[in-house]
Amino acid sequence: MPKFLIQATYTSEGTKGLLKDGASGRRAAVEQVVTDQGGTVEAMYFAFGEDDTVIIIDLPDPVSMAAISLAVKASGALRTRATPLLTIEEIDEAARRQVAFRSPGKQ
């Protein structure tokens, strides 16, 4: 099952919701959204700095991730980034594949 790293920053409205619901309430909301799409939450942390929360989730496919991302972004409560995570085995497989690529300006 594909794994994704989610990095999110709350807007002022999202922060008000966090203060009202608490971290456990937000965790429950994240778990509900992810399980509704057939996935699981591996880890969720709150952070200081550029990102307010970091989440690792497993989902059946990239379309599920896109559906969640669209719904969350449409709420206006968070700004998010989703990064697909690849296993060591997947990178090993990618490294074995032949790719015909010509650099710009090269013959």
C-alpha atoms as a PDB file:
ATOM      1  CA  MET A   1       0.000   0.000   0.000  1.00  0.00           C
ATOM      2  CA  PRO A   2       1.499   3.387  -0.940  1.00  0.00           C
ATOM      3  CA  LYS A   3       2.776   5.483   1.950  1.00  0.00           C
ATOM      4  CA  PHE A   4       2.625   9.285   2.103  1.00  0.00           C
ATOM      5  CA  LEU A   5       4.228  11.959   4.259  1.00  0.00           C
ATOM      6  CA  ILE A   6       1.817  14.809   4.981  1.00  0.00           C
ATOM      7  CA  GLN A   7       3.180  18.130   6.214  1.00  0.00           C
ATOM      8  CA  ALA A   8       0.555  20.660   7.240  1.00  0.00           C
ATOM      9  CA  THR A   9       0.301  24.174   8.600  1.00  0.00           C
ATOM     10  CA  TYR A  10      -2.882  25.431  10.236  1.00  0.00           C
ATOM     11  CA  THR A  11      -4.442  28.695   9.087  1.00  0.00           C
ATOM     12  CA  SER A  12      -5.812  30.961  11.834  1.00  0.00           C
ATOM     13  CA  GLU A  13      -9.225  29.293  11.461  1.00  0.00           C
ATOM     14  CA  GLY A  14      -7.633  25.852  11.619  1.00  0.00           C
ATOM     15  CA  THR A  15      -5.722  26.820  14.750  1.00  0.00           C
ATOM     16  CA  LYS A  16      -8.989  27.894  16.388  1.00  0.00           C
ATOM     17  CA  GLY A  17     -10.371  24.450  15.591  1.00  0.00           C
ATOM     18  CA  LEU A  18      -7.277  22.788  17.053  1.00  0.00           C
ATOM     19  CA  LEU A  19      -7.665  24.808  20.266  1.00  0.00           C
ATOM     20  CA  LYS A  20     -11.320  23.768  20.471  1.00  0.00           C
ATOM     21  CA  ASP A  21     -10.911  20.056  19.563  1.00  0.00           C
ATOM     22  CA  GLY A  22      -7.471  19.455  21.063  1.00  0.00           C
ATOM     23  CA  ALA A  23      -4.763  17.329  19.481  1.00  0.00           C
ATOM     24  CA  SER A  24      -6.641  14.089  20.203  1.00  0.00           C
ATOM     25  CA  GLY A  25      -9.704  15.474  18.425  1.00  0.00           C
ATOM     26  CA  ARG A  26      -7.649  16.327  15.361  1.00  0.00           C
ATOM     27  CA  ARG A  27      -6.024  12.870  15.431  1.00  0.00           C
ATOM     28  CA  ALA A  28      -9.497  11.295  15.455  1.00  0.00           C
ATOM     29  CA  ALA A  29     -10.562  13.474  12.511  1.00  0.00           C
ATOM     30  CA  VAL A  30      -7.447  12.506  10.514  1.00  0.00           C
ATOM     31  CA  GLU A  31      -7.980   8.814  11.274  1.00  0.00           C
ATOM     32  CA  GLN A  32     -11.609   9.020  10.152  1.00  0.00           C
ATOM     33  CA  VAL A  33     -10.732  10.657   6.824  1.00  0.00           C
ATOM     34  CA  VAL A  34      -7.917   8.187   6.126  1.00  0.00           C
ATOM     35  CA  THR A  35      -9.901   5.064   7.112  1.00  0.00           C
ATOM     36  CA  ASP A  36     -12.852   6.255   5.007  1.00  0.00           C
ATOM     37  CA  GLN A  37     -10.490   6.038   2.016  1.00  0.00           C
ATOM     38  CA  GLY A  38      -9.314   2.539   2.994  1.00  0.00           C
ATOM     39  CA  GLY A  39      -6.055   3.633   4.625  1.00  0.00           C
ATOM     40  CA  THR A  40      -4.347   3.753   8.004  1.00  0.00           C
ATOM     41  CA  VAL A  41      -2.488   6.392   9.988  1.00  0.00           C
ATOM     42  CA  GLU A  42       1.004   5.149  10.857  1.00  0.00           C
ATOM     43  CA  ALA A  43       2.099   8.207  12.836  1.00  0.00           C
ATOM     44  CA  MET A  44       0.988  11.742  13.620  1.00  0.00           C
ATOM     45  CA  TYR A  45       3.068  14.377  15.369  1.00  0.00           C
ATOM     46  CA  PHE A  46       2.655  18.051  16.118  1.00  0.00           C
ATOM     47  CA  ALA A  47       5.690  20.258  15.540  1.00  0.00           C
ATOM     48  CA  PHE A  48       7.089  23.752  15.941  1.00  0.00           C
ATOM     49  CA  GLY A  49       8.381  25.679  12.958  1.00  0.00           C
ATOM     50  CA  GLU A  50       7.232  25.736   9.367  1.00  0.00           C
ATOM     51  CA  ASP A  51       4.926  22.721   9.810  1.00  0.00           C
ATOM     52  CA  ASP A  52       2.365  22.357  12.590  1.00  0.00           C
ATOM     53  CA  THR A  53       1.793  18.658  12.051  1.00  0.00           C
ATOM     54  CA  VAL A  54       3.535  15.782  10.292  1.00  0.00           C
ATOM     55  CA  ILE A  55       1.599  12.638   9.427  1.00  0.00           C
ATOM     56  CA  ILE A  56       2.567   9.339   7.791  1.00  0.00           C
ATOM     57  CA  ILE A  57      -0.326   7.458   6.210  1.00  0.00           C
ATOM     58  CA  ASP A  58      -0.890   4.366   4.082  1.00  0.00           C
ATOM     59  CA  LEU A  59      -3.526   4.583   1.361  1.00  0.00           C
ATOM     60  CA  PRO A  60      -4.655   2.163  -1.341  1.00  0.00           C
ATOM     61  CA  ASP A  61      -3.613   4.457  -4.213  1.00  0.00           C
ATOM     62  CA  PRO A  62      -2.585   8.009  -5.187  1.00  0.00           C
ATOM     63  CA  VAL A  63      -6.178   8.868  -6.152  1.00  0.00           C
ATOM     64  CA  SER A  64      -7.210   8.364  -2.516  1.00  0.00           C
ATOM     65  CA  MET A  65      -4.449  10.771  -1.477  1.00  0.00           C
ATOM     66  CA  ALA A  66      -5.628  13.295  -4.058  1.00  0.00           C
ATOM     67  CA  ALA A  67      -9.226  13.040  -2.824  1.00  0.00           C
ATOM     68  CA  ILE A  68      -8.163  13.703   0.776  1.00  0.00           C
ATOM     69  CA  SER A  69      -5.881  16.539  -0.282  1.00  0.00           C
ATOM     70  CA  LEU A  70      -8.616  18.270  -2.268  1.00  0.00           C
ATOM     71  CA  ALA A  71     -11.129  18.027   0.580  1.00  0.00           C
ATOM     72  CA  VAL A  72      -8.660  19.276   3.197  1.00  0.00           C
ATOM     73  CA  LYS A  73      -7.422  22.170   1.063  1.00  0.00           C
ATOM     74  CA  ALA A  74     -10.981  23.177   0.158  1.00  0.00           C
ATOM     75  CA  SER A  75     -11.735  23.601   3.873  1.00  0.00           C
ATOM     76  CA  GLY A  76      -9.245  26.470   4.099  1.00  0.00           C
ATOM     77  CA  ALA A  77      -8.173  25.259   7.567  1.00  0.00           C
ATOM     78  CA  LEU A  78      -4.785  23.906   6.507  1.00  0.00           C
ATOM     79  CA  ARG A  79      -2.046  24.311   3.945  1.00  0.00           C
ATOM     80  CA  THR A  80      -0.681  20.858   3.152  1.00  0.00           C
ATOM     81  CA  ARG A  81       2.029  19.053   1.212  1.00  0.00           C
ATOM     82  CA  ALA A  82       1.819  15.341   0.402  1.00  0.00           C
ATOM     83  CA  THR A  83       4.995  13.469  -0.483  1.00  0.00           C
ATOM     84  CA  PRO A  84       4.923   9.866  -1.733  1.00  0.00           C
ATOM     85  CA  LEU A  85       7.341   7.709   0.264  1.00  0.00           C
ATOM     86  CA  LEU A  86       9.191   4.895  -1.480  1.00  0.00           C
ATOM     87  CA  THR A  87      10.718   1.808   0.088  1.00  0.00           C
ATOM     88  CA  ILE A  88      14.351   0.818  -0.347  1.00  0.00           C
ATOM     89  CA  GLU A  89      13.196  -2.041  -2.561  1.00  0.00           C
ATOM     90  CA  GLU A  90      11.226   0.316  -4.800  1.00  0.00           C
ATOM     91  CA  ILE A  91      14.278   2.551  -5.291  1.00  0.00           C
ATOM     92  CA  ASP A  92      16.436  -0.513  -5.997  1.00  0.00           C
ATOM     93  CA  GLU A  93      13.922  -1.525  -8.684  1.00  0.00           C
ATOM     94  CA  ALA A  94      13.920   2.007 -10.129  1.00  0.00           C
ATOM     95  CA  ALA A  95      17.729   2.030 -10.228  1.00  0.00           C
ATOM     96  CA  ARG A  96      17.721  -1.190 -12.300  1.00  0.00           C
ATOM     97  CA  ARG A  97      15.374   0.184 -14.959  1.00  0.00           C
ATOM     98  CA  GLN A  98      16.857   1.554 -18.156  1.00  0.00           C
ATOM     99  CA  VAL A  99      15.766   5.085 -19.003  1.00  0.00           C
ATOM    100  CA  ALA A 100      16.578   6.699 -22.344  1.00  0.00           C
ATOM    101  CA  PHE A 101      17.225  10.351 -21.477  1.00  0.00           C
ATOM    102  CA  ARG A 102      19.107  12.981 -23.417  1.00  0.00           C
ATOM    103  CA  SER A 103      20.260  16.055 -21.495  1.00  0.00           C
ATOM    104  CA  PRO A 104      19.293  19.410 -23.031  1.00  0.00           C
ATOM    105  CA  GLY A 105      21.807  20.487 -25.651  1.00  0.00           C
ATOM    106  CA  LYS A 106      23.379  17.014 -26.009  1.00  0.00           C
ATOM    107  CA  GLN A 107      23.292  14.942 -29.209  1.00  0.00           C
END
